[in-house]
Amino acid sequence: MSVLRKPEQFQQEGSKVFRKAPVNRASIEGWVKISGGKAADAGRKANSASTRLGAAYDAVFNISLAVLCKNGWRCTAADGHHAQALEAACAYAGIGTSVFDEVDAMRDMRNNQYQGLEPTLQDVEYALDVMNRVAPRLLAYLSS
């Protein structure tokens, strides 16, 4: 993939993931607050590896929902909604494909739980690194 897509482009391709919705400041603030709690959980070494990796992922995903809302979009529960929401949020924030590929790799690591695969400490460190680089960029976009 060379250029990250926004919701309009996904819709043109037939996606059912996005619907237009009014900007809701309370929802945006809520997702940012949830993201902060998830980031704290991800950094808490007493938590299990799966909790930490999932929390790092959720921190980025929740800010992504806020970015979409800022632009008048909401996600449905249609197949692919996580991948498309992350891609669209990165597109709005001007995050390039190589960094988005790292976000997508974190999503894949998080989804390994559905195969019964426990994340390694290296997986957790990778997810924390991605979260610590991407979340601030998404938050900066929200503040712009």
C-alpha atoms as a PDB file:
ATOM      1  CA  MET A   1       0.000   0.000   0.000  1.00  0.00           C
ATOM      2  CA  SER A   2       1.529   3.303  -1.021  1.00  0.00           C
ATOM      3  CA  VAL A   3      -0.914   5.917   0.294  1.00  0.00           C
ATOM      4  CA  LEU A   4      -2.982   5.509   3.429  1.00  0.00           C
ATOM      5  CA  ARG A   5      -6.725   5.784   2.896  1.00  0.00           C
ATOM      6  CA  LYS A   6      -9.331   7.921   4.636  1.00  0.00           C
ATOM      7  CA  PRO A   7     -12.968   6.901   5.232  1.00  0.00           C
ATOM      8  CA  GLU A   8     -14.195   8.364   1.943  1.00  0.00           C
ATOM      9  CA  GLN A   9     -11.767   6.183   0.028  1.00  0.00           C
ATOM     10  CA  PHE A  10     -12.744   3.079   1.974  1.00  0.00           C
ATOM     11  CA  GLN A  11     -16.414   3.806   1.221  1.00  0.00           C
ATOM     12  CA  GLN A  12     -15.652   4.188  -2.489  1.00  0.00           C
ATOM     13  CA  GLU A  13     -14.109   0.715  -2.306  1.00  0.00           C
ATOM     14  CA  GLY A  14     -17.340  -0.663  -0.789  1.00  0.00           C
ATOM     15  CA  SER A  15     -16.398  -0.661   2.895  1.00  0.00           C
ATOM     16  CA  LYS A  16     -19.220  -0.585   5.450  1.00  0.00           C
ATOM     17  CA  VAL A  17     -16.889   0.356   8.320  1.00  0.00           C
ATOM     18  CA  PHE A  18     -17.522   4.106   8.435  1.00  0.00           C
ATOM     19  CA  ARG A  19     -20.596   6.296   8.767  1.00  0.00           C
ATOM     20  CA  LYS A  20     -20.831  10.079   8.862  1.00  0.00           C
ATOM     21  CA  ALA A  21     -21.581  11.459  12.316  1.00  0.00           C
ATOM     22  CA  PRO A  22     -21.503  14.843  14.017  1.00  0.00           C
ATOM     23  CA  VAL A  23     -18.325  15.827  15.822  1.00  0.00           C
ATOM     24  CA  ASN A  24     -18.817  15.030  19.495  1.00  0.00           C
ATOM     25  CA  ARG A  25     -16.314  16.720  21.826  1.00  0.00           C
ATOM     26  CA  ALA A  26     -17.410  14.603  24.814  1.00  0.00           C
ATOM     27  CA  SER A  27     -16.711  11.391  22.902  1.00  0.00           C
ATOM     28  CA  ILE A  28     -13.335  12.705  21.735  1.00  0.00           C
ATOM     29  CA  GLU A  29     -12.376  13.638  25.299  1.00  0.00           C
ATOM     30  CA  GLY A  30     -13.612  10.256  26.532  1.00  0.00           C
ATOM     31  CA  TRP A  31     -11.514   8.323  24.018  1.00  0.00           C
ATOM     32  CA  VAL A  32      -8.445  10.392  24.921  1.00  0.00           C
ATOM     33  CA  LYS A  33      -9.007   9.682  28.623  1.00  0.00           C
ATOM     34  CA  ILE A  34      -9.524   5.959  27.966  1.00  0.00           C
ATOM     35  CA  SER A  35      -6.338   5.967  25.896  1.00  0.00           C
ATOM     36  CA  GLY A  36      -4.366   7.486  28.765  1.00  0.00           C
ATOM     37  CA  GLY A  37      -5.551   4.776  31.134  1.00  0.00           C
ATOM     38  CA  LYS A  38      -4.693   2.084  28.599  1.00  0.00           C
ATOM     39  CA  ALA A  39      -1.220   3.570  28.110  1.00  0.00           C
ATOM     40  CA  ALA A  40      -0.683   3.453  31.886  1.00  0.00           C
ATOM     41  CA  ASP A  41      -1.821  -0.199  31.952  1.00  0.00           C
ATOM     42  CA  ALA A  42       0.573  -0.998  29.096  1.00  0.00           C
ATOM     43  CA  GLY A  43       3.491   0.427  31.043  1.00  0.00           C
ATOM     44  CA  ARG A  44       2.639  -1.379  34.280  1.00  0.00           C
ATOM     45  CA  LYS A  45       5.167  -4.215  34.529  1.00  0.00           C
ATOM     46  CA  ALA A  46       3.031  -6.102  37.077  1.00  0.00           C
ATOM     47  CA  ASN A  47       0.438  -6.719  34.358  1.00  0.00           C
ATOM     48  CA  SER A  48       0.631  -9.813  32.184  1.00  0.00           C
ATOM     49  CA  ALA A  49       2.246  -9.621  28.752  1.00  0.00           C
ATOM     50  CA  SER A  50      -1.138 -10.047  27.045  1.00  0.00           C
ATOM     51  CA  THR A  51      -2.684  -7.267  29.147  1.00  0.00           C
ATOM     52  CA  ARG A  52       0.208  -4.932  28.414  1.00  0.00           C
ATOM     53  CA  LEU A  53       0.241  -5.585  24.666  1.00  0.00           C
ATOM     54  CA  GLY A  54      -3.554  -5.295  24.438  1.00  0.00           C
ATOM     55  CA  ALA A  55      -3.504  -2.061  26.417  1.00  0.00           C
ATOM     56  CA  ALA A  56      -0.817  -0.535  24.172  1.00  0.00           C
ATOM     57  CA  TYR A  57      -2.915  -1.443  21.147  1.00  0.00           C
ATOM     58  CA  ASP A  58      -6.112  -0.101  22.760  1.00  0.00           C
ATOM     59  CA  ALA A  59      -4.380   3.185  23.589  1.00  0.00           C
ATOM     60  CA  VAL A  60      -3.651   3.767  19.896  1.00  0.00           C
ATOM     61  CA  PHE A  61      -7.041   2.453  18.750  1.00  0.00           C
ATOM     62  CA  ASN A  62      -9.011   4.729  21.111  1.00  0.00           C
ATOM     63  CA  ILE A  63      -7.125   7.829  19.983  1.00  0.00           C
ATOM     64  CA  SER A  64      -7.799   6.703  16.409  1.00  0.00           C
ATOM     65  CA  LEU A  65     -11.536   6.726  17.138  1.00  0.00           C
ATOM     66  CA  ALA A  66     -11.147  10.281  18.447  1.00  0.00           C
ATOM     67  CA  VAL A  67      -9.306  11.341  15.283  1.00  0.00           C
ATOM     68  CA  LEU A  68     -12.091   9.899  13.146  1.00  0.00           C
ATOM     69  CA  CYS A  69     -14.753  11.642  15.231  1.00  0.00           C
ATOM     70  CA  LYS A  70     -12.925  14.974  14.864  1.00  0.00           C
ATOM     71  CA  ASN A  71     -13.380  14.504  11.121  1.00  0.00           C
ATOM     72  CA  GLY A  72     -17.084  13.608  11.339  1.00  0.00           C
ATOM     73  CA  TRP A  73     -16.805   9.803  11.167  1.00  0.00           C
ATOM     74  CA  ARG A  74     -17.755   6.890  13.393  1.00  0.00           C
ATOM     75  CA  CYS A  75     -16.829   3.237  13.058  1.00  0.00           C
ATOM     76  CA  THR A  76     -19.320   0.433  12.762  1.00  0.00           C
ATOM     77  CA  ALA A  77     -18.567  -3.140  13.851  1.00  0.00           C
ATOM     78  CA  ALA A  78     -18.194  -4.283  10.231  1.00  0.00           C
ATOM     79  CA  ASP A  79     -15.413  -6.703   9.366  1.00  0.00           C
ATOM     80  CA  GLY A  80     -12.079  -4.928   9.230  1.00  0.00           C
ATOM     81  CA  HIS A  81     -13.117  -1.984  11.373  1.00  0.00           C
ATOM     82  CA  HIS A  82      -9.965  -1.993  13.520  1.00  0.00           C
ATOM     83  CA  ALA A  83      -7.561  -2.100  10.569  1.00  0.00           C
ATOM     84  CA  GLN A  84      -9.467   0.538   8.619  1.00  0.00           C
ATOM     85  CA  ALA A  85      -9.905   2.847  11.627  1.00  0.00           C
ATOM     86  CA  LEU A  86      -6.188   2.731  12.376  1.00  0.00           C
ATOM     87  CA  GLU A  87      -5.263   3.354   8.747  1.00  0.00           C
ATOM     88  CA  ALA A  88      -7.686   6.267   8.374  1.00  0.00           C
ATOM     89  CA  ALA A  89      -6.541   7.904  11.618  1.00  0.00           C
ATOM     90  CA  CYS A  90      -2.916   7.612  10.525  1.00  0.00           C
ATOM     91  CA  ALA A  91      -3.853   9.118   7.153  1.00  0.00           C
ATOM     92  CA  TYR A  92      -5.502  12.134   8.813  1.00  0.00           C
ATOM     93  CA  ALA A  93      -2.506  12.638  11.118  1.00  0.00           C
ATOM     94  CA  GLY A  94      -0.022  12.468   8.239  1.00  0.00           C
ATOM     95  CA  ILE A  95       1.619   9.305   9.545  1.00  0.00           C
ATOM     96  CA  GLY A  96       3.395   7.502   6.728  1.00  0.00           C
ATOM     97  CA  THR A  97       2.967   3.959   5.506  1.00  0.00           C
ATOM     98  CA  SER A  98       6.104   2.594   7.179  1.00  0.00           C
ATOM     99  CA  VAL A  99       4.917   3.710  10.640  1.00  0.00           C
ATOM    100  CA  PHE A 100       1.376   2.542   9.876  1.00  0.00           C
ATOM    101  CA  ASP A 101       2.838  -0.857   8.968  1.00  0.00           C
ATOM    102  CA  GLU A 102       4.239  -1.002  12.519  1.00  0.00           C
ATOM    103  CA  VAL A 103       0.803  -0.142  13.937  1.00  0.00           C
ATOM    104  CA  ASP A 104      -0.697  -2.892  11.799  1.00  0.00           C
ATOM    105  CA  ALA A 105       1.960  -5.332  13.021  1.00  0.00           C
ATOM    106  CA  MET A 106       0.982  -4.447  16.601  1.00  0.00           C
ATOM    107  CA  ARG A 107      -2.640  -5.197  15.669  1.00  0.00           C
ATOM    108  CA  ASP A 108      -1.561  -8.586  14.328  1.00  0.00           C
ATOM    109  CA  MET A 109       0.335  -9.303  17.566  1.00  0.00           C
ATOM    110  CA  ARG A 110      -2.753  -8.376  19.579  1.00  0.00           C
ATOM    111  CA  ASN A 111      -4.868 -10.693  17.425  1.00  0.00           C
ATOM    112  CA  ASN A 112      -2.547 -13.634  18.134  1.00  0.00           C
ATOM    113  CA  GLN A 113      -4.533 -14.127  21.345  1.00  0.00           C
ATOM    114  CA  TYR A 114      -7.352 -15.521  19.195  1.00  0.00           C
ATOM    115  CA  GLN A 115      -4.973 -18.317  18.177  1.00  0.00           C
ATOM    116  CA  GLY A 116      -3.975 -19.012  21.780  1.00  0.00           C
ATOM    117  CA  LEU A 117      -0.547 -17.401  21.348  1.00  0.00           C
ATOM    118  CA  GLU A 118       0.799 -15.527  24.362  1.00  0.00           C
ATOM    119  CA  PRO A 119       2.864 -12.425  23.533  1.00  0.00           C
ATOM    120  CA  THR A 120       6.548 -12.408  24.406  1.00  0.00           C
ATOM    121  CA  LEU A 121       8.310  -9.660  26.311  1.00  0.00           C
ATOM    122  CA  GLN A 122       9.787  -8.619  22.945  1.00  0.00           C
ATOM    123  CA  ASP A 123       6.239  -8.273  21.535  1.00  0.00           C
ATOM    124  CA  VAL A 124       5.278  -6.079  24.506  1.00  0.00           C
ATOM    125  CA  GLU A 125       8.357  -3.896  24.053  1.00  0.00           C
ATOM    126  CA  TYR A 126       7.563  -3.541  20.345  1.00  0.00           C
ATOM    127  CA  ALA A 127       3.964  -2.514  21.124  1.00  0.00           C
ATOM    128  CA  LEU A 128       5.123  -0.008  23.741  1.00  0.00           C
ATOM    129  CA  ASP A 129       7.567   1.508  21.261  1.00  0.00           C
ATOM    130  CA  VAL A 130       4.850   1.843  18.603  1.00  0.00           C
ATOM    131  CA  MET A 131       2.379   3.298  21.123  1.00  0.00           C
ATOM    132  CA  ASN A 132       4.969   5.784  22.433  1.00  0.00           C
ATOM    133  CA  ARG A 133       5.714   7.017  18.910  1.00  0.00           C
ATOM    134  CA  VAL A 134       2.214   6.988  17.375  1.00  0.00           C
ATOM    135  CA  ALA A 135      -0.067   8.101  20.225  1.00  0.00           C
ATOM    136  CA  PRO A 136       1.646  11.506  20.611  1.00  0.00           C
ATOM    137  CA  ARG A 137       1.321  12.141  16.872  1.00  0.00           C
ATOM    138  CA  LEU A 138      -2.390  11.309  16.932  1.00  0.00           C
ATOM    139  CA  LEU A 139      -2.867  13.493  20.020  1.00  0.00           C
ATOM    140  CA  ALA A 140      -1.012  16.356  18.327  1.00  0.00           C
ATOM    141  CA  TYR A 141      -3.354  16.022  15.347  1.00  0.00           C
ATOM    142  CA  LEU A 142      -6.358  16.222  17.693  1.00  0.00           C
ATOM    143  CA  SER A 143      -4.962  19.435  19.161  1.00  0.00           C
ATOM    144  CA  SER A 144      -4.356  21.051  15.768  1.00  0.00           C
END
